[in-house]
Amino acid sequence: MKRIEFENHQDLRIALELLERYSIDFTWDMYDTRHLIHLGHVNFDHVKYALQSCRVPYKIVDY
């Protein structure tokens, strides 16, 4: 399972809008200050394709 970590809340919001637009399943905790999106078992190629247009820095973390 993977999660994506962003530097700030603004970058997180941009990514959330893109993932919703591409109908990619994810979860996130709006009260978490670490700015994470949990992807679960989603095909990560779809996520990379969706995020390539937003140009926000992110880090992919396995857990």
PDB file of N, CA and C in Angstrom:
ATOM      1  N   MET A   1       0.846  -1.168   0.000  1.00  0.00           N
ATOM      2  CA  MET A   1       0.000   0.000   0.000  1.00  0.00           C
ATOM      3  C   MET A   1       0.894   1.235   0.000  1.00  0.00           C
ATOM      4  N   LYS A   2       0.387   2.275  -0.607  1.00  0.00           N
ATOM      5  CA  LYS A   2       1.180   3.490  -0.759  1.00  0.00           C
ATOM      6  C   LYS A   2       0.409   4.700  -0.256  1.00  0.00           C
ATOM      7  N   ARG A   3       1.187   5.723   0.044  1.00  0.00           N
ATOM      8  CA  ARG A   3       0.602   7.012   0.369  1.00  0.00           C
ATOM      9  C   ARG A   3       1.474   8.085  -0.265  1.00  0.00           C
ATOM     10  N   ILE A   4       0.896   9.248  -0.470  1.00  0.00           N
ATOM     11  CA  ILE A   4       1.611  10.375  -1.045  1.00  0.00           C
ATOM     12  C   ILE A   4       1.675  11.464   0.011  1.00  0.00           C
ATOM     13  N   GLU A   5       2.858  12.011   0.199  1.00  0.00           N
ATOM     14  CA  GLU A   5       3.066  13.054   1.195  1.00  0.00           C
ATOM     15  C   GLU A   5       3.413  14.362   0.480  1.00  0.00           C
ATOM     16  N   PHE A   6       2.746  15.442   0.878  1.00  0.00           N
ATOM     17  CA  PHE A   6       2.957  16.755   0.270  1.00  0.00           C
ATOM     18  C   PHE A   6       3.590  17.712   1.266  1.00  0.00           C
ATOM     19  N   GLU A   7       4.179  18.783   0.755  1.00  0.00           N
ATOM     20  CA  GLU A   7       4.871  19.746   1.610  1.00  0.00           C
ATOM     21  C   GLU A   7       3.922  20.661   2.365  1.00  0.00           C
ATOM     22  N   ASN A   8       2.783  20.988   1.756  1.00  0.00           N
ATOM     23  CA  ASN A   8       1.853  21.902   2.421  1.00  0.00           C
ATOM     24  C   ASN A   8       0.414  21.574   2.037  1.00  0.00           C
ATOM     25  N   HIS A   9      -0.503  22.242   2.692  1.00  0.00           N
ATOM     26  CA  HIS A   9      -1.927  21.959   2.494  1.00  0.00           C
ATOM     27  C   HIS A   9      -2.404  22.383   1.106  1.00  0.00           C
ATOM     28  N   GLN A  10      -1.859  23.443   0.574  1.00  0.00           N
ATOM     29  CA  GLN A  10      -2.267  23.903  -0.756  1.00  0.00           C
ATOM     30  C   GLN A  10      -1.940  22.852  -1.820  1.00  0.00           C
ATOM     31  N   ASP A  11      -0.756  22.259  -1.756  1.00  0.00           N
ATOM     32  CA  ASP A  11      -0.390  21.199  -2.698  1.00  0.00           C
ATOM     33  C   ASP A  11      -1.301  19.986  -2.540  1.00  0.00           C
ATOM     34  N   LEU A  12      -1.645  19.676  -1.304  1.00  0.00           N
ATOM     35  CA  LEU A  12      -2.562  18.567  -1.034  1.00  0.00           C
ATOM     36  C   LEU A  12      -3.915  18.810  -1.688  1.00  0.00           C
ATOM     37  N   ARG A  13      -4.449  20.010  -1.564  1.00  0.00           N
ATOM     38  CA  ARG A  13      -5.764  20.329  -2.143  1.00  0.00           C
ATOM     39  C   ARG A  13      -5.749  20.217  -3.666  1.00  0.00           C
ATOM     40  N   ILE A  14      -4.672  20.665  -4.290  1.00  0.00           N
ATOM     41  CA  ILE A  14      -4.550  20.550  -5.748  1.00  0.00           C
ATOM     42  C   ILE A  14      -4.571  19.080  -6.162  1.00  0.00           C
ATOM     43  N   ALA A  15      -3.830  18.251  -5.447  1.00  0.00           N
ATOM     44  CA  ALA A  15      -3.782  16.820  -5.765  1.00  0.00           C
ATOM     45  C   ALA A  15      -5.132  16.150  -5.528  1.00  0.00           C
ATOM     46  N   LEU A  16      -5.833  16.532  -4.466  1.00  0.00           N
ATOM     47  CA  LEU A  16      -7.152  15.953  -4.200  1.00  0.00           C
ATOM     48  C   LEU A  16      -8.115  16.234  -5.343  1.00  0.00           C
ATOM     49  N   GLU A  17      -8.107  17.456  -5.846  1.00  0.00           N
ATOM     50  CA  GLU A  17      -8.987  17.811  -6.964  1.00  0.00           C
ATOM     51  C   GLU A  17      -8.661  16.989  -8.208  1.00  0.00           C
ATOM     52  N   LEU A  18      -7.376  16.800  -8.483  1.00  0.00           N
ATOM     53  CA  LEU A  18      -6.994  16.014  -9.655  1.00  0.00           C
ATOM     54  C   LEU A  18      -7.382  14.547  -9.517  1.00  0.00           C
ATOM     55  N   LEU A  19      -7.160  13.972  -8.354  1.00  0.00           N
ATOM     56  CA  LEU A  19      -7.518  12.566  -8.158  1.00  0.00           C
ATOM     57  C   LEU A  19      -9.025  12.361  -8.253  1.00  0.00           C
ATOM     58  N   GLU A  20      -9.795  13.314  -7.765  1.00  0.00           N
ATOM     59  CA  GLU A  20     -11.248  13.226  -7.909  1.00  0.00           C
ATOM     60  C   GLU A  20     -11.652  13.341  -9.369  1.00  0.00           C
ATOM     61  N   ARG A  21     -11.004  14.210 -10.111  1.00  0.00           N
ATOM     62  CA  ARG A  21     -11.321  14.392 -11.529  1.00  0.00           C
ATOM     63  C   ARG A  21     -11.062  13.110 -12.318  1.00  0.00           C
ATOM     64  N   TYR A  22     -10.006  12.374 -11.956  1.00  0.00           N
ATOM     65  CA  TYR A  22      -9.661  11.127 -12.638  1.00  0.00           C
ATOM     66  C   TYR A  22     -10.316   9.901 -11.999  1.00  0.00           C
ATOM     67  N   SER A  23     -11.190  10.091 -11.039  1.00  0.00           N
ATOM     68  CA  SER A  23     -11.931   9.016 -10.363  1.00  0.00           C
ATOM     69  C   SER A  23     -11.004   7.968  -9.745  1.00  0.00           C
ATOM     70  N   ILE A  24      -9.969   8.423  -9.068  1.00  0.00           N
ATOM     71  CA  ILE A  24      -9.028   7.538  -8.386  1.00  0.00           C
ATOM     72  C   ILE A  24      -9.421   7.475  -6.919  1.00  0.00           C
ATOM     73  N   ASP A  25      -9.564   6.255  -6.395  1.00  0.00           N
ATOM     74  CA  ASP A  25      -9.959   6.069  -4.996  1.00  0.00           C
ATOM     75  C   ASP A  25      -8.809   6.404  -4.060  1.00  0.00           C
ATOM     76  N   PHE A  26      -9.119   7.138  -3.011  1.00  0.00           N
ATOM     77  CA  PHE A  26      -8.121   7.504  -2.015  1.00  0.00           C
ATOM     78  C   PHE A  26      -8.834   7.849  -0.721  1.00  0.00           C
ATOM     79  N   THR A  27      -8.079   7.943   0.348  1.00  0.00           N
ATOM     80  CA  THR A  27      -8.598   8.444   1.618  1.00  0.00           C
ATOM     81  C   THR A  27      -7.600   9.453   2.162  1.00  0.00           C
ATOM     82  N   TRP A  28      -8.093  10.353   2.978  1.00  0.00           N
ATOM     83  CA  TRP A  28      -7.218  11.317   3.630  1.00  0.00           C
ATOM     84  C   TRP A  28      -7.898  11.805   4.889  1.00  0.00           C
ATOM     85  N   ASP A  29      -7.105  12.252   5.823  1.00  0.00           N
ATOM     86  CA  ASP A  29      -7.610  12.752   7.101  1.00  0.00           C
ATOM     87  C   ASP A  29      -7.446  14.263   7.109  1.00  0.00           C
ATOM     88  N   MET A  30      -8.547  14.967   7.114  1.00  0.00           N
ATOM     89  CA  MET A  30      -8.468  16.426   7.021  1.00  0.00           C
ATOM     90  C   MET A  30      -7.847  17.068   8.258  1.00  0.00           C
ATOM     91  N   TYR A  31      -7.762  16.331   9.353  1.00  0.00           N
ATOM     92  CA  TYR A  31      -7.164  16.877  10.574  1.00  0.00           C
ATOM     93  C   TYR A  31      -5.687  16.512  10.724  1.00  0.00           C
ATOM     94  N   ASP A  32      -5.166  15.707   9.820  1.00  0.00           N
ATOM     95  CA  ASP A  32      -3.762  15.299   9.880  1.00  0.00           C
ATOM     96  C   ASP A  32      -2.889  16.436   9.351  1.00  0.00           C
ATOM     97  N   THR A  33      -1.900  16.833  10.102  1.00  0.00           N
ATOM     98  CA  THR A  33      -1.040  17.951   9.699  1.00  0.00           C
ATOM     99  C   THR A  33       0.128  17.514   8.821  1.00  0.00           C
ATOM    100  N   ARG A  34       0.213  16.216   8.511  1.00  0.00           N
ATOM    101  CA  ARG A  34       1.321  15.733   7.686  1.00  0.00           C
ATOM    102  C   ARG A  34       1.019  15.809   6.196  1.00  0.00           C
ATOM    103  N   HIS A  35      -0.173  16.176   5.786  1.00  0.00           N
ATOM    104  CA  HIS A  35      -0.564  16.351   4.383  1.00  0.00           C
ATOM    105  C   HIS A  35      -0.379  15.062   3.580  1.00  0.00           C
ATOM    106  N   LEU A  36      -1.140  14.024   3.950  1.00  0.00           N
ATOM    107  CA  LEU A  36      -1.026  12.707   3.333  1.00  0.00           C
ATOM    108  C   LEU A  36      -2.302  12.319   2.600  1.00  0.00           C
ATOM    109  N   ILE A  37      -2.130  11.587   1.500  1.00  0.00           N
ATOM    110  CA  ILE A  37      -3.228  10.909   0.819  1.00  0.00           C
ATOM    111  C   ILE A  37      -2.901   9.424   0.858  1.00  0.00           C
ATOM    112  N   HIS A  38      -3.812   8.624   1.376  1.00  0.00           N
ATOM    113  CA  HIS A  38      -3.632   7.174   1.435  1.00  0.00           C
ATOM    114  C   HIS A  38      -4.268   6.564   0.190  1.00  0.00           C
ATOM    115  N   LEU A  39      -3.494   5.777  -0.542  1.00  0.00           N
ATOM    116  CA  LEU A  39      -3.965   5.224  -1.811  1.00  0.00           C
ATOM    117  C   LEU A  39      -4.405   3.775  -1.721  1.00  0.00           C
ATOM    118  N   GLY A  40      -3.996   3.050  -0.712  1.00  0.00           N
ATOM    119  CA  GLY A  40      -4.390   1.654  -0.594  1.00  0.00           C
ATOM    120  C   GLY A  40      -3.794   0.823  -1.713  1.00  0.00           C
ATOM    121  N   HIS A  41      -4.634   0.082  -2.433  1.00  0.00           N
ATOM    122  CA  HIS A  41      -4.169  -0.825  -3.484  1.00  0.00           C
ATOM    123  C   HIS A  41      -4.480  -0.293  -4.881  1.00  0.00           C
ATOM    124  N   VAL A  42      -4.489   1.006  -5.040  1.00  0.00           N
ATOM    125  CA  VAL A  42      -4.768   1.636  -6.332  1.00  0.00           C
ATOM    126  C   VAL A  42      -3.590   1.415  -7.282  1.00  0.00           C
ATOM    127  N   ASN A  43      -3.874   1.310  -8.586  1.00  0.00           N
ATOM    128  CA  ASN A  43      -2.809   1.221  -9.587  1.00  0.00           C
ATOM    129  C   ASN A  43      -2.056   2.549  -9.596  1.00  0.00           C
ATOM    130  N   PHE A  44      -0.791   2.516  -9.204  1.00  0.00           N
ATOM    131  CA  PHE A  44      -0.052   3.760  -9.029  1.00  0.00           C
ATOM    132  C   PHE A  44       0.277   4.447 -10.347  1.00  0.00           C
ATOM    133  N   ASP A  45       0.262   3.731 -11.465  1.00  0.00           N
ATOM    134  CA  ASP A  45       0.479   4.372 -12.764  1.00  0.00           C
ATOM    135  C   ASP A  45      -0.608   5.395 -13.052  1.00  0.00           C
ATOM    136  N   HIS A  46      -1.843   5.099 -12.654  1.00  0.00           N
ATOM    137  CA  HIS A  46      -2.935   6.053 -12.846  1.00  0.00           C
ATOM    138  C   HIS A  46      -2.712   7.302 -12.008  1.00  0.00           C
ATOM    139  N   VAL A  47      -2.202   7.125 -10.811  1.00  0.00           N
ATOM    140  CA  VAL A  47      -1.941   8.260  -9.921  1.00  0.00           C
ATOM    141  C   VAL A  47      -0.838   9.141 -10.499  1.00  0.00           C
ATOM    142  N   LYS A  48       0.239   8.534 -10.977  1.00  0.00           N
ATOM    143  CA  LYS A  48       1.328   9.309 -11.581  1.00  0.00           C
ATOM    144  C   LYS A  48       0.835  10.095 -12.785  1.00  0.00           C
ATOM    145  N   TYR A  49      -0.005   9.468 -13.604  1.00  0.00           N
ATOM    146  CA  TYR A  49      -0.551  10.148 -14.774  1.00  0.00           C
ATOM    147  C   TYR A  49      -1.395  11.354 -14.358  1.00  0.00           C
ATOM    148  N   ALA A  50      -2.198  11.189 -13.326  1.00  0.00           N
ATOM    149  CA  ALA A  50      -3.052  12.290 -12.866  1.00  0.00           C
ATOM    150  C   ALA A  50      -2.226  13.430 -12.284  1.00  0.00           C
ATOM    151  N   LEU A  51      -1.159  13.110 -11.571  1.00  0.00           N
ATOM    152  CA  LEU A  51      -0.376  14.143 -10.893  1.00  0.00           C
ATOM    153  C   LEU A  51       0.687  14.798 -11.766  1.00  0.00           C
ATOM    154  N   GLN A  52       0.946  14.269 -12.943  1.00  0.00           N
ATOM    155  CA  GLN A  52       1.989  14.861 -13.771  1.00  0.00           C
ATOM    156  C   GLN A  52       1.620  16.255 -14.262  1.00  0.00           C
ATOM    157  N   SER A  53       0.353  16.580 -14.315  1.00  0.00           N
ATOM    158  CA  SER A  53      -0.057  17.897 -14.799  1.00  0.00           C
ATOM    159  C   SER A  53      -0.058  18.968 -13.714  1.00  0.00           C
ATOM    160  N   CYS A  54      -0.025  18.596 -12.449  1.00  0.00           N
ATOM    161  CA  CYS A  54      -0.145  19.605 -11.389  1.00  0.00           C
ATOM    162  C   CYS A  54       1.191  20.199 -10.970  1.00  0.00           C
ATOM    163  N   ARG A  55       2.287  19.507 -11.192  1.00  0.00           N
ATOM    164  CA  ARG A  55       3.637  20.006 -10.904  1.00  0.00           C
ATOM    165  C   ARG A  55       3.830  20.466  -9.466  1.00  0.00           C
ATOM    166  N   VAL A  56       3.250  19.751  -8.537  1.00  0.00           N
ATOM    167  CA  VAL A  56       3.498  20.017  -7.116  1.00  0.00           C
ATOM    168  C   VAL A  56       4.459  18.947  -6.599  1.00  0.00           C
ATOM    169  N   PRO A  57       5.363  19.312  -5.714  1.00  0.00           N
ATOM    170  CA  PRO A  57       6.292  18.313  -5.180  1.00  0.00           C
ATOM    171  C   PRO A  57       5.587  17.347  -4.237  1.00  0.00           C
ATOM    172  N   TYR A  58       5.876  16.070  -4.388  1.00  0.00           N
ATOM    173  CA  TYR A  58       5.300  15.056  -3.508  1.00  0.00           C
ATOM    174  C   TYR A  58       6.295  13.930  -3.323  1.00  0.00           C
ATOM    175  N   LYS A  59       6.077  13.154  -2.285  1.00  0.00           N
ATOM    176  CA  LYS A  59       6.938  12.016  -1.976  1.00  0.00           C
ATOM    177  C   LYS A  59       6.055  10.786  -1.833  1.00  0.00           C
ATOM    178  N   ILE A  60       6.461   9.682  -2.457  1.00  0.00           N
ATOM    179  CA  ILE A  60       5.724   8.427  -2.397  1.00  0.00           C
ATOM    180  C   ILE A  60       6.298   7.591  -1.262  1.00  0.00           C
ATOM    181  N   VAL A  61       5.429   7.114  -0.384  1.00  0.00           N
ATOM    182  CA  VAL A  61       5.865   6.355   0.782  1.00  0.00           C
ATOM    183  C   VAL A  61       5.114   5.028   0.817  1.00  0.00           C
ATOM    184  N   ASP A  62       5.851   3.915   0.968  1.00  0.00           N
ATOM    185  CA  ASP A  62       5.226   2.601   1.165  1.00  0.00           C
ATOM    186  C   ASP A  62       4.938   2.403   2.645  1.00  0.00           C
ATOM    187  N   TYR A  63       3.830   1.749   2.934  1.00  0.00           N
ATOM    188  CA  TYR A  63       3.549   1.389   4.331  1.00  0.00           C
ATOM    189  C   TYR A  63       2.809   0.091   4.390  1.00  0.00           C
TER     190      TYR A  63
END
